[in-house]
Amino acid sequence: MSIKSGIYTTYYGKEYRIARIENHYEIISNDEKDLNKGFIEYKPEKNLNPRIFFKMVSPSEIGDVYEISTFCLYHGFEFHITYDDGENYVLVSDYSPLVEKFNFTRIDKFGYEKAVPKDEVDLVYEKKELITDFFD
């Protein structure tokens, strides 16, 4: 499963990340096929992996804008997943008694994380929150 975290929209029925860059908006893809839709490769000379493609869009060209975060149930408790390394999910949390109970590692002043094998996670799901003022 692909771990989504960030701001997304739809463009001609396909979901893309979106960003405000200076005074315009860009949708972002890692799919080379999007070159056929007018996308431009970002820094092709650097041979980025994964490759990044972008296209400038206007608000009238895209659908709703929303934030997506991926979560899971781990030992019956909800945690945010930030990364999938193939074998493990990396879970993050603010401080709570749960981070001590499950031996999370402190990564900054208020943040904790733990890599857990995928088979120890019961359910992986996304939460979407509509952003109504993205273009304001």
Protein backbone atom coordinates (compact mmCIF):
# COMPACT_ATOMS: atom_id res chain seq x y z
CA MET A 1 0.00 0.00 0.00
CA SER A 2 1.21 3.47 -0.84
CA ILE A 3 1.38 5.72 2.22
CA LYS A 4 -0.22 9.07 1.46
CA SER A 5 0.47 12.14 3.49
CA GLY A 6 -0.07 15.63 2.15
CA ILE A 7 -2.38 17.80 0.12
CA TYR A 8 -4.14 16.27 -2.90
CA THR A 9 -6.67 17.08 -5.61
CA THR A 10 -8.13 15.46 -8.70
CA TYR A 11 -7.36 16.41 -12.28
CA TYR A 12 -9.34 14.70 -15.04
CA GLY A 13 -10.33 11.91 -12.67
CA LYS A 14 -6.84 11.12 -11.33
CA GLU A 15 -5.54 12.02 -7.89
CA TYR A 16 -2.42 14.21 -7.63
CA ARG A 17 -0.50 16.00 -4.94
CA ILE A 18 -0.92 19.77 -5.22
CA ALA A 19 1.24 22.66 -4.03
CA ARG A 20 1.14 26.43 -4.07
CA ILE A 21 4.42 27.60 -5.63
CA GLU A 22 4.91 31.36 -5.35
CA ASN A 23 1.84 32.79 -7.16
CA HIS A 24 0.61 29.66 -8.93
CA TYR A 25 -0.49 26.07 -8.29
CA GLU A 26 1.21 22.86 -9.45
CA ILE A 27 0.00 19.29 -9.46
CA ILE A 28 2.72 16.72 -8.91
CA SER A 29 3.11 13.17 -10.18
CA ASN A 30 5.62 10.34 -10.28
CA ASP A 31 3.93 8.73 -13.31
CA GLU A 32 5.89 9.12 -16.57
CA LYS A 33 2.63 8.69 -18.53
CA ASP A 34 1.58 12.13 -17.29
CA LEU A 35 4.10 13.65 -19.71
CA ASN A 36 1.37 13.00 -22.33
CA LYS A 37 -0.96 15.28 -20.29
CA GLY A 38 1.35 18.29 -20.43
CA PHE A 39 3.42 17.57 -17.33
CA ILE A 40 7.09 18.59 -17.27
CA GLU A 41 9.85 16.58 -15.62
CA TYR A 42 11.45 18.28 -12.62
CA LYS A 43 15.26 18.41 -12.95
CA PRO A 44 15.66 15.51 -15.42
CA GLU A 45 19.43 16.05 -15.45
CA LYS A 46 19.60 14.85 -11.83
CA ASN A 47 18.10 11.40 -12.62
CA LEU A 48 15.85 11.60 -9.55
CA ASN A 49 14.39 8.37 -8.19
CA PRO A 50 11.46 8.49 -8.19
CA ARG A 51 11.14 10.87 -11.10
CA ILE A 52 8.97 13.93 -10.44
CA PHE A 53 6.62 15.55 -12.95
CA PHE A 54 4.60 18.73 -12.48
CA LYS A 55 2.02 20.83 -14.26
CA MET A 56 0.78 24.34 -13.52
CA VAL A 57 -3.01 24.44 -13.11
CA SER A 58 -5.67 26.98 -12.29
CA PRO A 59 -8.28 26.41 -9.56
CA SER A 60 -10.99 25.97 -12.22
CA GLU A 61 -9.17 22.95 -13.74
CA ILE A 62 -9.11 20.78 -10.63
CA GLY A 63 -11.47 19.21 -8.12
CA ASP A 64 -11.70 19.65 -4.38
CA VAL A 65 -8.48 20.01 -2.42
CA TYR A 66 -8.02 17.81 0.63
CA GLU A 67 -5.39 16.64 3.06
CA ILE A 68 -4.75 12.90 3.25
CA SER A 69 -3.09 11.14 6.18
CA THR A 70 -2.59 7.39 6.58
CA PHE A 71 -3.31 5.67 9.88
CA CYS A 72 -3.36 2.18 11.33
CA LEU A 73 -4.52 0.25 14.35
CA TYR A 74 -1.59 -1.13 16.32
CA HIS A 75 -2.51 -3.21 19.39
CA GLY A 76 -5.96 -1.58 19.24
CA PHE A 77 -4.70 2.02 19.18
CA GLU A 78 -4.66 4.47 16.27
CA PHE A 79 -1.28 5.71 15.03
CA HIS A 80 -0.24 7.84 12.07
CA ILE A 81 1.93 6.02 9.47
CA THR A 82 4.59 8.14 7.80
CA TYR A 83 6.53 5.59 5.81
CA ASP A 84 6.44 2.07 4.36
CA ASP A 85 9.93 0.59 3.93
CA GLY A 86 8.60 -2.58 2.32
CA GLU A 87 8.65 -4.76 5.44
CA ASN A 88 7.70 -2.26 8.16
CA TYR A 89 5.47 0.72 8.72
CA VAL A 90 6.97 3.67 10.56
CA LEU A 91 4.44 4.90 13.12
CA VAL A 92 4.61 8.33 14.72
CA SER A 93 2.96 9.89 17.73
CA ASP A 94 3.11 12.83 20.08
CA TYR A 95 3.95 11.98 23.65
CA SER A 96 1.41 9.82 25.45
CA PRO A 97 1.64 6.85 27.79
CA LEU A 98 1.31 4.71 24.66
CA VAL A 99 4.73 5.71 23.33
CA GLU A 100 6.29 4.36 26.52
CA LYS A 101 4.10 1.25 26.55
CA PHE A 102 5.11 0.37 22.97
CA ASN A 103 8.76 1.52 23.21
CA PHE A 104 8.64 4.32 20.64
CA THR A 105 11.89 6.26 20.12
CA ARG A 106 11.98 10.00 20.69
CA ILE A 107 12.88 11.79 17.43
CA ASP A 108 12.40 15.43 18.48
CA LYS A 109 11.07 17.49 21.37
CA PHE A 110 7.49 16.20 21.05
CA GLY A 111 7.71 13.45 18.42
CA TYR A 112 8.15 9.70 18.74
CA GLU A 113 8.36 6.94 16.15
CA LYS A 114 8.59 3.18 15.85
CA ALA A 115 9.10 0.81 12.91
CA VAL A 116 6.74 -2.15 13.22
CA PRO A 117 6.40 -5.23 11.00
CA LYS A 118 3.39 -4.96 8.72
CA ASP A 119 1.88 -8.17 10.10
CA GLU A 120 1.60 -6.53 13.55
CA VAL A 121 -0.75 -3.85 12.17
CA ASP A 122 -4.45 -4.68 12.11
CA LEU A 123 -5.90 -2.07 9.76
CA VAL A 124 -4.41 0.59 7.46
CA TYR A 125 -6.69 3.41 6.32
CA GLU A 126 -6.66 6.96 5.02
CA LYS A 127 -8.39 10.00 6.44
CA LYS A 128 -9.29 12.83 4.09
CA GLU A 129 -10.08 16.34 5.26
CA LEU A 130 -11.49 18.86 2.81
CA ILE A 131 -9.51 22.14 2.62
CA THR A 132 -12.04 24.84 1.77
CA ASP A 133 -9.65 27.81 1.84
CA PHE A 134 -6.69 26.44 -0.18
CA PHE A 135 -7.04 29.11 -2.89
CA ASP A 136 -7.63 32.07 -0.52
